[in-house]
Amino acid sequence: MLSTTRSRVRALSVAGMAAVVAAIGAVTFNANAATTAPDFRSVAVPTAIADIIKPPAGSRPVGAYVVTKGTQNYTCAADGTYSAPSTPEAQLIGTGGRVHHFAGPSWQSLRDGSLVTAKKIQANPRTGAIPELLLQVTSHTGTGVLSKADWINRLYTTGGVAPAGSCTAGQTVQVPYGAVYVFWDDPAISS
């Protein structure tokens, strides 16, 4: 039945997404029928977040998104290793439609153009994958689905780890990764 590699990959992707959604609780974006794009997807907010990367008490989820296609991009350093930090390039889909995640790190809603940048506050290591993170939003641009975000979690990470071994300085490599991103509103932070 699944005669092509592409069909098998799609079936595995759908099964994996279903497992992630089944393992966590859902959040929805409050939108009317006129603003809900066909690419909207209900993505669950994880109920078990490591204490080290939990947002401050009282924070409320404003959106959850899953990576549909993403890479962590590494550039070989002068010492001949991929020791420099990675740059993300990912497409996310979730409660507020589609979001583009890129260098900064930055996240921009493709629905309304709202944009946030953030800085890493804390990490939770994962074996064989990039760490889970707690990030604090440092800037907002525009009004929309990301406007109220004060904190971001990167959770359930898979892949994205820098290659081991030597490389040629300046060489770049794209390593596929997966994750669930949750954006949080912190009522203690006034906008």
Protein backbone atom coordinates (compact mmCIF):
# COMPACT_ATOMS: atom_id res chain seq x y z
CA MET A 1 0.00 0.00 0.00
CA LEU A 2 2.77 2.41 0.90
CA SER A 3 4.74 1.80 -2.26
CA THR A 4 6.95 4.87 -2.31
CA THR A 5 9.44 6.23 0.15
CA ARG A 6 7.56 9.53 0.13
CA SER A 7 4.30 7.78 1.11
CA ARG A 8 6.04 5.94 3.95
CA VAL A 9 7.64 9.19 5.20
CA ARG A 10 4.27 10.97 5.13
CA ALA A 11 2.60 8.11 7.00
CA LEU A 12 5.35 8.14 9.64
CA SER A 13 5.11 11.94 9.95
CA VAL A 14 1.36 11.81 10.48
CA ALA A 15 1.72 9.02 13.03
CA GLY A 16 4.45 10.94 14.87
CA MET A 17 2.37 14.13 14.97
CA ALA A 18 -0.62 12.18 16.29
CA ALA A 19 1.56 10.73 19.06
CA VAL A 20 2.81 14.18 20.11
CA VAL A 21 -0.71 15.63 20.14
CA ALA A 22 -2.06 12.62 22.05
CA ALA A 23 0.68 12.91 24.69
CA ILE A 24 -0.06 16.53 25.62
CA GLY A 25 -3.08 18.82 26.29
CA ALA A 26 -4.41 21.18 23.59
CA VAL A 27 -4.62 24.97 23.44
CA THR A 28 -6.55 26.91 20.86
CA PHE A 29 -6.13 30.38 19.43
CA ASN A 30 -9.18 32.59 19.91
CA ALA A 31 -10.11 33.54 16.38
CA ASN A 32 -13.29 33.96 14.41
CA ALA A 33 -14.06 32.08 11.19
CA ALA A 34 -12.81 35.01 9.09
CA THR A 35 -9.33 34.87 10.58
CA THR A 36 -8.89 31.11 10.89
CA ALA A 37 -6.79 29.99 7.96
CA PRO A 38 -7.03 26.44 6.62
CA ASP A 39 -3.50 25.88 7.92
CA PHE A 40 -4.62 26.26 11.56
CA ARG A 41 -3.87 23.22 13.71
CA SER A 42 -4.66 22.56 17.34
CA VAL A 43 -1.35 21.70 19.02
CA ALA A 44 -1.22 20.51 22.58
CA VAL A 45 0.61 22.33 25.36
CA PRO A 46 2.81 19.84 27.21
CA THR A 47 1.72 19.24 30.78
CA ALA A 48 5.13 17.95 31.91
CA ILE A 49 7.76 20.66 31.52
CA ALA A 50 11.08 20.29 33.35
CA ASP A 51 11.24 22.67 36.33
CA ILE A 52 14.45 24.27 35.03
CA ILE A 53 12.67 25.56 31.89
CA LYS A 54 9.19 26.35 33.20
CA PRO A 55 7.95 29.89 32.54
CA PRO A 56 7.20 31.98 35.65
CA ALA A 57 4.21 31.00 37.75
CA GLY A 58 0.99 32.56 36.48
CA SER A 59 2.08 32.50 32.82
CA ARG A 60 -0.65 31.42 30.42
CA PRO A 61 -0.19 29.74 27.02
CA VAL A 62 -1.13 31.92 24.07
CA GLY A 63 -0.15 29.46 21.36
CA ALA A 64 1.50 26.14 20.66
CA TYR A 65 3.19 25.16 17.40
CA VAL A 66 4.93 22.11 15.99
CA VAL A 67 7.87 22.20 13.57
CA THR A 68 6.69 20.90 10.19
CA LYS A 69 10.06 21.40 8.52
CA GLY A 70 13.16 22.67 10.27
CA THR A 71 16.91 22.67 10.38
CA GLN A 72 19.56 23.85 12.80
CA ASN A 73 22.26 25.37 10.58
CA TYR A 74 25.89 25.14 11.70
CA THR A 75 28.94 26.90 10.28
CA CYS A 76 32.37 25.36 10.74
CA ALA A 77 34.50 27.49 13.07
CA ALA A 78 38.16 28.43 12.52
CA ASP A 79 39.20 25.51 14.77
CA GLY A 80 37.74 23.03 12.24
CA THR A 81 34.68 22.02 14.29
CA TYR A 82 30.99 22.88 14.35
CA SER A 83 31.40 24.49 17.76
CA ALA A 84 29.65 27.79 16.95
CA PRO A 85 25.96 28.18 17.90
CA SER A 86 23.41 27.09 15.32
CA THR A 87 20.94 29.26 13.44
CA PRO A 88 17.38 27.93 13.09
CA GLU A 89 15.35 27.87 9.90
CA ALA A 90 11.94 26.33 10.44
CA GLN A 91 8.29 26.38 9.48
CA LEU A 92 5.82 25.90 12.33
CA ILE A 93 2.09 25.31 12.35
CA GLY A 94 -0.24 25.59 15.30
CA THR A 95 -2.97 27.39 17.13
CA GLY A 96 -2.40 30.72 15.39
CA GLY A 97 -1.65 29.43 11.88
CA ARG A 98 1.84 29.29 10.39
CA VAL A 99 4.97 30.81 11.93
CA HIS A 100 8.44 31.25 10.42
CA HIS A 101 11.32 30.69 12.88
CA PHE A 102 14.72 32.08 11.90
CA ALA A 103 17.94 33.75 13.09
CA GLY A 104 17.70 36.10 16.04
CA PRO A 105 16.20 33.84 17.27
CA SER A 106 12.98 35.22 15.82
CA TRP A 107 9.44 33.99 15.17
CA GLN A 108 7.06 35.71 12.73
CA SER A 109 3.39 34.93 12.16
CA LEU A 110 2.63 34.41 8.48
CA ARG A 111 -1.02 35.25 9.25
CA ASP A 112 -0.60 38.78 10.64
CA GLY A 113 3.13 39.63 10.52
CA SER A 114 3.54 39.89 14.30
CA LEU A 115 7.17 39.19 15.21
CA VAL A 116 9.09 38.39 18.39
CA THR A 117 12.77 37.90 19.15
CA ALA A 118 14.04 36.20 22.29
CA LYS A 119 17.11 35.22 24.29
CA LYS A 120 17.89 31.91 25.93
CA ILE A 121 17.39 31.90 29.70
CA GLN A 122 17.76 28.21 30.55
CA ALA A 123 18.32 24.84 28.84
CA ASN A 124 17.30 21.27 29.60
CA PRO A 125 19.66 18.76 27.90
CA ARG A 126 18.24 15.93 25.78
CA THR A 127 20.22 12.87 24.72
CA GLY A 128 20.75 12.83 20.95
CA ALA A 129 18.88 16.10 20.39
CA ILE A 130 19.25 19.82 20.83
CA PRO A 131 18.22 20.92 24.34
CA GLU A 132 14.77 22.02 25.38
CA LEU A 133 14.77 25.75 26.19
CA LEU A 134 13.13 28.57 28.09
CA LEU A 135 13.53 31.84 26.19
CA GLN A 136 12.49 35.33 27.22
CA VAL A 137 10.98 37.57 24.56
CA THR A 138 13.14 40.69 24.14
CA SER A 139 11.22 42.52 21.41
CA HIS A 140 7.78 42.66 19.75
CA THR A 141 6.89 44.05 16.33
CA GLY A 142 3.35 44.39 15.02
CA THR A 143 0.07 43.26 16.51
CA GLY A 144 -1.32 39.77 16.26
CA VAL A 145 -0.99 36.19 17.47
CA LEU A 146 2.52 36.70 18.94
CA SER A 147 1.87 40.13 20.50
CA LYS A 148 1.26 38.85 24.03
CA ALA A 149 4.17 36.40 24.12
CA ASP A 150 6.61 37.07 26.97
CA TRP A 151 8.22 33.61 27.21
CA ILE A 152 8.83 30.75 24.76
CA ASN A 153 9.49 27.08 25.43
CA ARG A 154 11.16 24.78 22.91
CA LEU A 155 10.04 21.29 23.95
CA TYR A 156 10.09 17.66 22.79
CA THR A 157 13.18 18.26 20.68
CA THR A 158 14.48 15.67 18.24
CA GLY A 159 17.64 15.85 16.11
CA GLY A 160 19.38 19.14 15.33
CA VAL A 161 22.70 18.19 16.96
CA ALA A 162 25.91 19.57 15.41
CA PRO A 163 27.95 17.01 13.47
CA ALA A 164 30.99 15.57 15.23
CA GLY A 165 34.44 15.46 13.67
CA SER A 166 36.43 17.94 11.67
CA CYS A 167 35.22 20.30 8.97
CA THR A 168 36.53 23.08 6.74
CA ALA A 169 36.27 26.59 8.22
CA GLY A 170 33.24 28.38 6.79
CA GLN A 171 31.53 25.19 5.62
CA THR A 172 27.84 25.03 6.56
CA VAL A 173 25.58 22.09 7.28
CA GLN A 174 21.83 21.89 7.84
CA VAL A 175 20.71 19.34 10.43
CA PRO A 176 16.98 18.47 10.52
CA TYR A 177 15.18 18.86 13.86
CA GLY A 178 11.75 18.73 15.40
CA ALA A 179 10.18 20.47 18.39
CA VAL A 180 7.03 21.90 19.91
CA TYR A 181 7.13 25.65 20.66
CA VAL A 182 4.83 27.13 23.30
CA PHE A 183 4.40 30.90 23.62
CA TRP A 184 3.40 32.23 27.07
CA ASP A 185 1.84 35.47 28.30
CA ASP A 186 3.18 36.55 31.69
CA PRO A 187 0.63 38.86 33.39
CA ALA A 188 3.42 40.16 35.67
CA ILE A 189 5.10 41.77 32.61
CA SER A 190 3.27 44.86 31.44
CA SER A 191 3.31 45.43 27.70
